[in-house]
Amino acid sequence: MSEDIAQDRAGFETRARIDTTKPHSARFWNYFVGGKDHYEVDREIGDQIKDIFPGLVDVAVTSRHFLGRAVRYLAGEQGIRQFLDVGTGLPTADNTHEAAQRVAPDARIVYVDNDPVVLTHADALLTSTPEGRTAYLDADLYDPEAVLRAAAGTLDLSRPVALMILNTLGHVADYEHARDLVRRFMAGLPSGSHLVLCDGTATSEGMIAASEAYNASGAVPYHVRSVEEIAGFFEGLEPVEPGVVRVPEWRPEAGEPDGGAAAVDAYCGVGRKA
């Protein structure tokens, strides 16, 4: 009984941390990809940005498909059985654990986020095949060493890990700081590990205007970067073909929407640690 009371109290405290008066990146993204976990304030800024730049919806949708393709490639062609997904966001369809365990039922996945909105949905993420394992960490992108220590409770960090950081580093205002965070994460992973990364890019006036409108809404700012800066996150890693490209152009699969691939303002890549 006392355990149930403690869990109820923890759930109440988590919900109390959720601010529904300002847009929120995870809820905003959830709205764009057709999810149901968002509030009126998120829909309002989402609709405003759609009017400014409808292409941001394509960024959201094609980024989600990239996640699935990258996970299937790593699990299916590279034999990766461990995934560390940092900046998880809200669950929708084909989350990392679903894509990985569909290919490799024994895959282990650790999700990392410190967002109260995501935390309330953690139970939806904590599912797994009997052969594998899925865990959720309430931890901070800005402390890679602490994340890795905690992840070691589920993952064997002596074996290759796929580090997934999708549409997250834009929240780190300083580019060199963002690069340092990636370096610190990869430094704690062994040879054969991979970095999977994508972020929005300042590759059109529409995308820049959308970013400015979002940042002016009171939400935690998201900074779009140049293609060269996205490529810089992979410095020191072996690029996986086709390298750093627009999100729909990374190993496209038949039947997926491409958002007009030549116009999607988000770049991605996968790199291997030698």
C-alpha atoms as a PDB file:
ATOM      1  CA  MET A   1       0.000   0.000   0.000  1.00  0.00           C
ATOM      2  CA  SER A   2       2.762   2.457   0.909  1.00  0.00           C
ATOM      3  CA  GLU A   3       4.467   1.740  -2.441  1.00  0.00           C
ATOM      4  CA  ASP A   4       1.217   2.568  -4.273  1.00  0.00           C
ATOM      5  CA  ILE A   5       0.907   5.839  -2.340  1.00  0.00           C
ATOM      6  CA  ALA A   6       4.513   6.741  -3.188  1.00  0.00           C
ATOM      7  CA  GLN A   7       3.897   6.031  -6.877  1.00  0.00           C
ATOM      8  CA  ASP A   8       0.713   8.136  -6.825  1.00  0.00           C
ATOM      9  CA  ARG A   9       2.586  10.990  -5.157  1.00  0.00           C
ATOM     10  CA  ALA A  10       5.401  10.756  -7.707  1.00  0.00           C
ATOM     11  CA  GLY A  11       2.882  10.827 -10.524  1.00  0.00           C
ATOM     12  CA  PHE A  12       1.156  13.882  -9.036  1.00  0.00           C
ATOM     13  CA  GLU A  13       4.462  15.693  -8.600  1.00  0.00           C
ATOM     14  CA  THR A  14       5.410  14.941 -12.195  1.00  0.00           C
ATOM     15  CA  ARG A  15       2.091  16.225 -13.517  1.00  0.00           C
ATOM     16  CA  ALA A  16       2.480  19.349 -11.389  1.00  0.00           C
ATOM     17  CA  ARG A  17       5.724  20.141 -13.266  1.00  0.00           C
ATOM     18  CA  ILE A  18       3.900  20.252 -16.620  1.00  0.00           C
ATOM     19  CA  ASP A  19       3.229  23.779 -17.860  1.00  0.00           C
ATOM     20  CA  THR A  20       0.255  23.803 -20.218  1.00  0.00           C
ATOM     21  CA  THR A  21       0.373  27.588 -20.699  1.00  0.00           C
ATOM     22  CA  LYS A  22       3.385  27.470 -23.034  1.00  0.00           C
ATOM     23  CA  PRO A  23       4.121  25.340 -26.104  1.00  0.00           C
ATOM     24  CA  HIS A  24       6.313  22.339 -25.509  1.00  0.00           C
ATOM     25  CA  SER A  25       8.658  20.790 -28.050  1.00  0.00           C
ATOM     26  CA  ALA A  26       7.680  17.151 -27.432  1.00  0.00           C
ATOM     27  CA  ARG A  27       3.952  17.931 -27.552  1.00  0.00           C
ATOM     28  CA  PHE A  28       4.410  20.252 -30.544  1.00  0.00           C
ATOM     29  CA  TRP A  29       6.275  17.505 -32.449  1.00  0.00           C
ATOM     30  CA  ASN A  30       3.666  14.975 -31.367  1.00  0.00           C
ATOM     31  CA  TYR A  31       0.972  17.167 -32.935  1.00  0.00           C
ATOM     32  CA  PHE A  32       2.902  17.404 -36.200  1.00  0.00           C
ATOM     33  CA  VAL A  33       3.331  13.624 -36.529  1.00  0.00           C
ATOM     34  CA  GLY A  34      -0.329  12.915 -35.830  1.00  0.00           C
ATOM     35  CA  GLY A  35      -0.131  11.982 -32.150  1.00  0.00           C
ATOM     36  CA  LYS A  36      -2.706  12.754 -29.467  1.00  0.00           C
ATOM     37  CA  ASP A  37      -0.531  13.927 -26.570  1.00  0.00           C
ATOM     38  CA  HIS A  38      -0.685  17.695 -26.871  1.00  0.00           C
ATOM     39  CA  TYR A  39      -2.647  20.693 -25.619  1.00  0.00           C
ATOM     40  CA  GLU A  40      -4.413  23.636 -27.204  1.00  0.00           C
ATOM     41  CA  VAL A  41      -1.356  25.865 -26.797  1.00  0.00           C
ATOM     42  CA  ASP A  42       0.727  23.365 -28.788  1.00  0.00           C
ATOM     43  CA  ARG A  43      -1.873  23.160 -31.545  1.00  0.00           C
ATOM     44  CA  GLU A  44      -2.119  26.945 -31.711  1.00  0.00           C
ATOM     45  CA  ILE A  45       1.611  27.489 -32.308  1.00  0.00           C
ATOM     46  CA  GLY A  46       1.647  24.423 -34.569  1.00  0.00           C
ATOM     47  CA  ASP A  47      -1.100  25.857 -36.768  1.00  0.00           C
ATOM     48  CA  GLN A  48       0.587  29.257 -36.759  1.00  0.00           C
ATOM     49  CA  ILE A  49       3.837  27.718 -37.951  1.00  0.00           C
ATOM     50  CA  LYS A  50       2.044  25.627 -40.569  1.00  0.00           C
ATOM     51  CA  ASP A  51       0.748  28.890 -42.008  1.00  0.00           C
ATOM     52  CA  ILE A  52       4.271  30.340 -42.023  1.00  0.00           C
ATOM     53  CA  PHE A  53       6.027  27.214 -43.251  1.00  0.00           C
ATOM     54  CA  PRO A  54       3.995  24.060 -44.014  1.00  0.00           C
ATOM     55  CA  GLY A  55       7.254  22.223 -44.732  1.00  0.00           C
ATOM     56  CA  LEU A  56       7.948  21.779 -41.033  1.00  0.00           C
ATOM     57  CA  VAL A  57       5.353  19.004 -40.980  1.00  0.00           C
ATOM     58  CA  ASP A  58       7.453  17.204 -43.599  1.00  0.00           C
ATOM     59  CA  VAL A  59      10.507  17.607 -41.364  1.00  0.00           C
ATOM     60  CA  ALA A  60       8.657  15.953 -38.485  1.00  0.00           C
ATOM     61  CA  VAL A  61       7.234  13.084 -40.508  1.00  0.00           C
ATOM     62  CA  THR A  62      10.358  12.275 -42.523  1.00  0.00           C
ATOM     63  CA  SER A  63      12.543  12.452 -39.400  1.00  0.00           C
ATOM     64  CA  ARG A  64      10.353   9.796 -37.842  1.00  0.00           C
ATOM     65  CA  HIS A  65      10.808   7.551 -40.865  1.00  0.00           C
ATOM     66  CA  PHE A  66      14.566   8.119 -40.751  1.00  0.00           C
ATOM     67  CA  LEU A  67      14.610   6.789 -37.187  1.00  0.00           C
ATOM     68  CA  GLY A  68      13.017   3.554 -38.339  1.00  0.00           C
ATOM     69  CA  ARG A  69      15.340   3.120 -41.318  1.00  0.00           C
ATOM     70  CA  ALA A  70      18.464   3.790 -39.259  1.00  0.00           C
ATOM     71  CA  VAL A  71      17.418   1.362 -36.522  1.00  0.00           C
ATOM     72  CA  ARG A  72      16.552  -1.359 -39.029  1.00  0.00           C
ATOM     73  CA  TYR A  73      19.890  -0.868 -40.783  1.00  0.00           C
ATOM     74  CA  LEU A  74      21.865  -1.076 -37.550  1.00  0.00           C
ATOM     75  CA  ALA A  75      19.964  -4.033 -36.124  1.00  0.00           C
ATOM     76  CA  GLY A  76      19.649  -5.889 -39.411  1.00  0.00           C
ATOM     77  CA  GLU A  77      22.892  -5.182 -41.295  1.00  0.00           C
ATOM     78  CA  GLN A  78      25.315  -4.258 -38.524  1.00  0.00           C
ATOM     79  CA  GLY A  79      24.142  -6.601 -35.792  1.00  0.00           C
ATOM     80  CA  ILE A  80      23.678  -3.822 -33.218  1.00  0.00           C
ATOM     81  CA  ARG A  81      21.664  -5.060 -30.270  1.00  0.00           C
ATOM     82  CA  GLN A  82      21.859  -2.027 -27.958  1.00  0.00           C
ATOM     83  CA  PHE A  83      20.293   1.409 -28.462  1.00  0.00           C
ATOM     84  CA  LEU A  84      20.589   4.528 -26.305  1.00  0.00           C
ATOM     85  CA  ASP A  85      17.899   7.025 -27.362  1.00  0.00           C
ATOM     86  CA  VAL A  86      18.637  10.456 -25.848  1.00  0.00           C
ATOM     87  CA  GLY A  87      15.911  13.081 -26.029  1.00  0.00           C
ATOM     88  CA  THR A  88      13.213  10.483 -26.537  1.00  0.00           C
ATOM     89  CA  GLY A  89      10.197  12.719 -26.909  1.00  0.00           C
ATOM     90  CA  LEU A  90       6.655  11.423 -26.748  1.00  0.00           C
ATOM     91  CA  PRO A  91       5.903   7.904 -27.980  1.00  0.00           C
ATOM     92  CA  THR A  92       3.997   7.586 -31.226  1.00  0.00           C
ATOM     93  CA  ALA A  93       4.329   4.677 -33.652  1.00  0.00           C
ATOM     94  CA  ASP A  94       7.475   2.729 -34.493  1.00  0.00           C
ATOM     95  CA  ASN A  95       9.504   3.879 -31.532  1.00  0.00           C
ATOM     96  CA  THR A  96      13.134   2.797 -31.315  1.00  0.00           C
ATOM     97  CA  HIS A  97      12.412  -0.349 -29.306  1.00  0.00           C
ATOM     98  CA  GLU A  98       9.639  -1.419 -31.680  1.00  0.00           C
ATOM     99  CA  ALA A  99      11.773  -0.964 -34.785  1.00  0.00           C
ATOM    100  CA  ALA A 100      14.791  -2.681 -33.197  1.00  0.00           C
ATOM    101  CA  GLN A 101      12.991  -5.627 -31.636  1.00  0.00           C
ATOM    102  CA  ARG A 102      11.009  -6.271 -34.797  1.00  0.00           C
ATOM    103  CA  VAL A 103      14.363  -7.076 -36.415  1.00  0.00           C
ATOM    104  CA  ALA A 104      16.168  -8.412 -33.346  1.00  0.00           C
ATOM    105  CA  PRO A 105      13.859  -9.519 -30.519  1.00  0.00           C
ATOM    106  CA  ASP A 106      16.809  -9.631 -28.100  1.00  0.00           C
ATOM    107  CA  ALA A 107      17.649  -5.939 -28.588  1.00  0.00           C
ATOM    108  CA  ARG A 108      18.011  -3.735 -25.510  1.00  0.00           C
ATOM    109  CA  ILE A 109      16.897  -0.123 -25.576  1.00  0.00           C
ATOM    110  CA  VAL A 110      17.339   2.674 -23.046  1.00  0.00           C
ATOM    111  CA  TYR A 111      15.309   5.844 -23.495  1.00  0.00           C
ATOM    112  CA  VAL A 112      16.600   9.052 -21.899  1.00  0.00           C
ATOM    113  CA  ASP A 113      14.660  12.231 -21.192  1.00  0.00           C
ATOM    114  CA  ASN A 114      14.205  14.548 -18.226  1.00  0.00           C
ATOM    115  CA  ASP A 115      11.010  16.133 -19.431  1.00  0.00           C
ATOM    116  CA  PRO A 116       7.951  15.828 -17.167  1.00  0.00           C
ATOM    117  CA  VAL A 117       5.641  15.447 -20.170  1.00  0.00           C
ATOM    118  CA  VAL A 118       7.652  12.514 -21.469  1.00  0.00           C
ATOM    119  CA  LEU A 119       8.006  11.069 -17.972  1.00  0.00           C
ATOM    120  CA  THR A 120       4.236  10.777 -17.622  1.00  0.00           C
ATOM    121  CA  HIS A 121       4.205   8.631 -20.753  1.00  0.00           C
ATOM    122  CA  ALA A 122       7.156   6.444 -19.748  1.00  0.00           C
ATOM    123  CA  ASP A 123       4.910   3.430 -19.186  1.00  0.00           C
ATOM    124  CA  ALA A 124       4.058   3.480 -22.882  1.00  0.00           C
ATOM    125  CA  LEU A 125       7.761   3.178 -23.664  1.00  0.00           C
ATOM    126  CA  LEU A 126       8.531   0.502 -21.109  1.00  0.00           C
ATOM    127  CA  THR A 127       7.486  -2.442 -23.203  1.00  0.00           C
ATOM    128  CA  SER A 128       9.696  -5.136 -24.584  1.00  0.00           C
ATOM    129  CA  THR A 129       9.847  -8.542 -26.156  1.00  0.00           C
ATOM    130  CA  PRO A 130      10.516 -11.352 -23.668  1.00  0.00           C
ATOM    131  CA  GLU A 131      13.992 -11.790 -25.143  1.00  0.00           C
ATOM    132  CA  GLY A 132      14.986  -8.118 -24.974  1.00  0.00           C
ATOM    133  CA  ARG A 133      14.708  -5.270 -22.533  1.00  0.00           C
ATOM    134  CA  THR A 134      13.499  -1.670 -22.580  1.00  0.00           C
ATOM    135  CA  ALA A 135      14.223   0.898 -19.868  1.00  0.00           C
ATOM    136  CA  TYR A 136      13.577   4.597 -19.316  1.00  0.00           C
ATOM    137  CA  LEU A 137      15.928   7.033 -17.568  1.00  0.00           C
ATOM    138  CA  ASP A 138      14.899  10.379 -16.135  1.00  0.00           C
ATOM    139  CA  ALA A 139      18.276  11.923 -16.938  1.00  0.00           C
ATOM    140  CA  ASP A 140      19.875  14.954 -18.580  1.00  0.00           C
ATOM    141  CA  LEU A 141      21.446  15.353 -22.021  1.00  0.00           C
ATOM    142  CA  TYR A 142      23.867  17.828 -20.449  1.00  0.00           C
ATOM    143  CA  ASP A 143      25.495  15.144 -18.263  1.00  0.00           C
ATOM    144  CA  PRO A 144      26.607  12.386 -20.662  1.00  0.00           C
ATOM    145  CA  GLU A 145      28.736  10.600 -18.081  1.00  0.00           C
ATOM    146  CA  ALA A 146      25.807  10.284 -15.663  1.00  0.00           C
ATOM    147  CA  VAL A 147      23.551   9.058 -18.471  1.00  0.00           C
ATOM    148  CA  LEU A 148      26.067   6.393 -19.448  1.00  0.00           C
ATOM    149  CA  ARG A 149      26.516   5.258 -15.837  1.00  0.00           C
ATOM    150  CA  ALA A 150      22.776   4.853 -15.450  1.00  0.00           C
ATOM    151  CA  ALA A 151      22.352   3.197 -18.862  1.00  0.00           C
ATOM    152  CA  ALA A 152      24.941   0.598 -17.846  1.00  0.00           C
ATOM    153  CA  GLY A 153      22.261  -0.921 -15.647  1.00  0.00           C
ATOM    154  CA  THR A 154      20.557  -2.151 -18.832  1.00  0.00           C
ATOM    155  CA  LEU A 155      23.216  -1.996 -21.549  1.00  0.00           C
ATOM    156  CA  ASP A 156      26.610  -3.681 -21.705  1.00  0.00           C
ATOM    157  CA  LEU A 157      28.852  -0.724 -22.508  1.00  0.00           C
ATOM    158  CA  SER A 158      31.701  -3.025 -23.457  1.00  0.00           C
ATOM    159  CA  ARG A 159      29.697  -3.946 -26.564  1.00  0.00           C
ATOM    160  CA  PRO A 160      28.623  -1.642 -29.431  1.00  0.00           C
ATOM    161  CA  VAL A 161      25.763   0.754 -28.799  1.00  0.00           C
ATOM    162  CA  ALA A 162      23.780   2.925 -31.208  1.00  0.00           C
ATOM    163  CA  LEU A 163      23.490   6.422 -29.750  1.00  0.00           C
ATOM    164  CA  MET A 164      20.320   8.062 -31.090  1.00  0.00           C
ATOM    165  CA  ILE A 165      20.024  11.864 -30.808  1.00  0.00           C
ATOM    166  CA  LEU A 166      17.190  12.979 -33.073  1.00  0.00           C
ATOM    167  CA  ASN A 167      15.868  16.546 -33.277  1.00  0.00           C
ATOM    168  CA  THR A 168      17.314  17.271 -29.854  1.00  0.00           C
ATOM    169  CA  LEU A 169      20.642  19.091 -30.169  1.00  0.00           C
ATOM    170  CA  GLY A 170      18.899  22.129 -31.624  1.00  0.00           C
ATOM    171  CA  HIS A 171      17.867  22.880 -28.046  1.00  0.00           C
ATOM    172  CA  VAL A 172      21.532  23.351 -27.113  1.00  0.00           C
ATOM    173  CA  ALA A 173      22.134  27.008 -27.940  1.00  0.00           C
ATOM    174  CA  ASP A 174      25.922  26.904 -28.247  1.00  0.00           C
ATOM    175  CA  TYR A 175      27.144  24.780 -31.145  1.00  0.00           C
ATOM    176  CA  GLU A 176      30.521  23.906 -29.624  1.00  0.00           C
ATOM    177  CA  HIS A 177      28.775  22.843 -26.429  1.00  0.00           C
ATOM    178  CA  ALA A 178      26.489  20.592 -28.467  1.00  0.00           C
ATOM    179  CA  ARG A 179      29.491  19.051 -30.238  1.00  0.00           C
ATOM    180  CA  ASP A 180      31.204  18.485 -26.902  1.00  0.00           C
ATOM    181  CA  LEU A 181      28.155  16.646 -25.567  1.00  0.00           C
ATOM    182  CA  VAL A 182      28.230  14.294 -28.561  1.00  0.00           C
ATOM    183  CA  ARG A 183      31.973  13.708 -28.125  1.00  0.00           C
ATOM    184  CA  ARG A 184      31.508  12.877 -24.445  1.00  0.00           C
ATOM    185  CA  PHE A 185      28.743  10.396 -25.177  1.00  0.00           C
ATOM    186  CA  MET A 186      30.754   8.674 -27.901  1.00  0.00           C
ATOM    187  CA  ALA A 187      33.892   8.636 -25.726  1.00  0.00           C
ATOM    188  CA  GLY A 188      32.049   6.395 -23.283  1.00  0.00           C
ATOM    189  CA  LEU A 189      31.034   3.885 -25.956  1.00  0.00           C
ATOM    190  CA  PRO A 190      33.234   1.150 -27.432  1.00  0.00           C
ATOM    191  CA  SER A 191      34.522   0.602 -30.953  1.00  0.00           C
ATOM    192  CA  GLY A 192      31.756  -0.441 -33.318  1.00  0.00           C
ATOM    193  CA  SER A 193      29.241   1.930 -31.727  1.00  0.00           C
ATOM    194  CA  HIS A 194      27.271   4.267 -33.986  1.00  0.00           C
ATOM    195  CA  LEU A 195      25.927   7.812 -33.776  1.00  0.00           C
ATOM    196  CA  VAL A 196      22.496   8.388 -35.345  1.00  0.00           C
ATOM    197  CA  LEU A 197      21.625  12.067 -35.523  1.00  0.00           C
ATOM    198  CA  CYS A 198      19.310  14.481 -37.281  1.00  0.00           C
ATOM    199  CA  ASP A 199      18.286  18.095 -36.721  1.00  0.00           C
ATOM    200  CA  GLY A 200      16.523  20.924 -38.459  1.00  0.00           C
ATOM    201  CA  THR A 201      18.657  23.103 -40.712  1.00  0.00           C
ATOM    202  CA  ALA A 202      18.680  26.755 -41.717  1.00  0.00           C
ATOM    203  CA  THR A 203      18.405  25.789 -45.381  1.00  0.00           C
ATOM    204  CA  SER A 204      15.415  27.927 -46.349  1.00  0.00           C
ATOM    205  CA  GLU A 205      13.900  31.254 -45.377  1.00  0.00           C
ATOM    206  CA  GLY A 206      10.717  29.400 -44.408  1.00  0.00           C
ATOM    207  CA  MET A 207      12.504  27.142 -41.942  1.00  0.00           C
ATOM    208  CA  ILE A 208      14.325  30.083 -40.389  1.00  0.00           C
ATOM    209  CA  ALA A 209      11.038  31.984 -40.038  1.00  0.00           C
ATOM    210  CA  ALA A 210       9.366  28.927 -38.487  1.00  0.00           C
ATOM    211  CA  SER A 211      12.191  28.589 -35.979  1.00  0.00           C
ATOM    212  CA  GLU A 212      11.951  32.254 -35.043  1.00  0.00           C
ATOM    213  CA  ALA A 213       8.176  31.991 -34.555  1.00  0.00           C
ATOM    214  CA  TYR A 214       8.562  28.913 -32.368  1.00  0.00           C
ATOM    215  CA  ASN A 215      11.281  30.514 -30.255  1.00  0.00           C
ATOM    216  CA  ALA A 216       9.126  33.616 -29.753  1.00  0.00           C
ATOM    217  CA  SER A 217       6.244  31.500 -28.424  1.00  0.00           C
ATOM    218  CA  GLY A 218       7.758  31.010 -24.978  1.00  0.00           C
ATOM    219  CA  ALA A 219       8.821  27.427 -25.625  1.00  0.00           C
ATOM    220  CA  VAL A 220      12.355  26.249 -24.963  1.00  0.00           C
ATOM    221  CA  PRO A 221      14.198  27.613 -28.043  1.00  0.00           C
ATOM    222  CA  TYR A 222      15.276  25.366 -30.882  1.00  0.00           C
ATOM    223  CA  HIS A 223      18.192  26.544 -33.026  1.00  0.00           C
ATOM    224  CA  VAL A 224      18.400  25.464 -36.661  1.00  0.00           C
ATOM    225  CA  ARG A 225      21.956  25.017 -37.915  1.00  0.00           C
ATOM    226  CA  SER A 226      23.887  24.857 -41.155  1.00  0.00           C
ATOM    227  CA  VAL A 227      24.491  21.604 -42.996  1.00  0.00           C
ATOM    228  CA  GLU A 228      28.207  21.984 -42.210  1.00  0.00           C
ATOM    229  CA  GLU A 229      27.417  22.182 -38.518  1.00  0.00           C
ATOM    230  CA  ILE A 230      25.316  19.013 -38.665  1.00  0.00           C
ATOM    231  CA  ALA A 231      28.212  17.270 -40.420  1.00  0.00           C
ATOM    232  CA  GLY A 232      30.538  18.489 -37.670  1.00  0.00           C
ATOM    233  CA  PHE A 233      28.797  16.277 -35.120  1.00  0.00           C
ATOM    234  CA  PHE A 234      30.236  13.271 -36.959  1.00  0.00           C
ATOM    235  CA  GLU A 235      33.854  14.425 -36.820  1.00  0.00           C
ATOM    236  CA  GLY A 236      36.136  11.506 -35.978  1.00  0.00           C
ATOM    237  CA  LEU A 237      33.556   8.891 -36.965  1.00  0.00           C
ATOM    238  CA  GLU A 238      33.407   6.734 -40.084  1.00  0.00           C
ATOM    239  CA  PRO A 239      30.451   7.945 -42.179  1.00  0.00           C
ATOM    240  CA  VAL A 240      27.896   5.391 -43.249  1.00  0.00           C
ATOM    241  CA  GLU A 241      26.795   5.860 -46.854  1.00  0.00           C
ATOM    242  CA  PRO A 242      25.289   8.103 -48.115  1.00  0.00           C
ATOM    243  CA  GLY A 243      26.822  10.396 -45.494  1.00  0.00           C
ATOM    244  CA  VAL A 244      25.139  13.532 -44.172  1.00  0.00           C
ATOM    245  CA  VAL A 245      22.102  14.184 -46.359  1.00  0.00           C
ATOM    246  CA  ARG A 246      18.573  15.502 -46.182  1.00  0.00           C
ATOM    247  CA  VAL A 247      16.510  13.237 -43.954  1.00  0.00           C
ATOM    248  CA  PRO A 248      14.430  11.547 -46.714  1.00  0.00           C
ATOM    249  CA  GLU A 249      17.575  10.820 -48.732  1.00  0.00           C
ATOM    250  CA  TRP A 250      19.220   8.537 -46.173  1.00  0.00           C
ATOM    251  CA  ARG A 251      18.680   5.007 -47.531  1.00  0.00           C
ATOM    252  CA  PRO A 252      15.064   5.671 -48.622  1.00  0.00           C
ATOM    253  CA  GLU A 253      12.606   2.801 -48.697  1.00  0.00           C
ATOM    254  CA  ALA A 254       9.744   2.301 -51.120  1.00  0.00           C
ATOM    255  CA  GLY A 255       6.394   3.642 -50.006  1.00  0.00           C
ATOM    256  CA  GLU A 256       7.661   6.227 -47.542  1.00  0.00           C
ATOM    257  CA  PRO A 257       6.659   9.889 -47.929  1.00  0.00           C
ATOM    258  CA  ASP A 258       9.628  11.980 -48.982  1.00  0.00           C
ATOM    259  CA  GLY A 259       8.154  15.394 -48.238  1.00  0.00           C
ATOM    260  CA  GLY A 260       9.587  16.577 -51.532  1.00  0.00           C
ATOM    261  CA  ALA A 261      13.044  15.354 -50.549  1.00  0.00           C
ATOM    262  CA  ALA A 262      14.907  18.223 -52.176  1.00  0.00           C
ATOM    263  CA  ALA A 263      13.066  20.707 -49.946  1.00  0.00           C
ATOM    264  CA  VAL A 264      13.073  19.080 -46.482  1.00  0.00           C
ATOM    265  CA  ASP A 265      14.983  21.346 -44.084  1.00  0.00           C
ATOM    266  CA  ALA A 266      16.545  18.678 -41.890  1.00  0.00           C
ATOM    267  CA  TYR A 267      19.788  16.750 -42.327  1.00  0.00           C
ATOM    268  CA  CYS A 268      20.857  13.461 -40.844  1.00  0.00           C
ATOM    269  CA  GLY A 269      23.600  10.906 -40.792  1.00  0.00           C
ATOM    270  CA  VAL A 270      24.967   7.769 -39.207  1.00  0.00           C
ATOM    271  CA  GLY A 271      28.603   7.450 -38.173  1.00  0.00           C
ATOM    272  CA  ARG A 272      30.602   4.505 -36.819  1.00  0.00           C
ATOM    273  CA  LYS A 273      33.231   4.681 -34.098  1.00  0.00           C
ATOM    274  CA  ALA A 274      36.353   2.856 -35.271  1.00  0.00           C
END
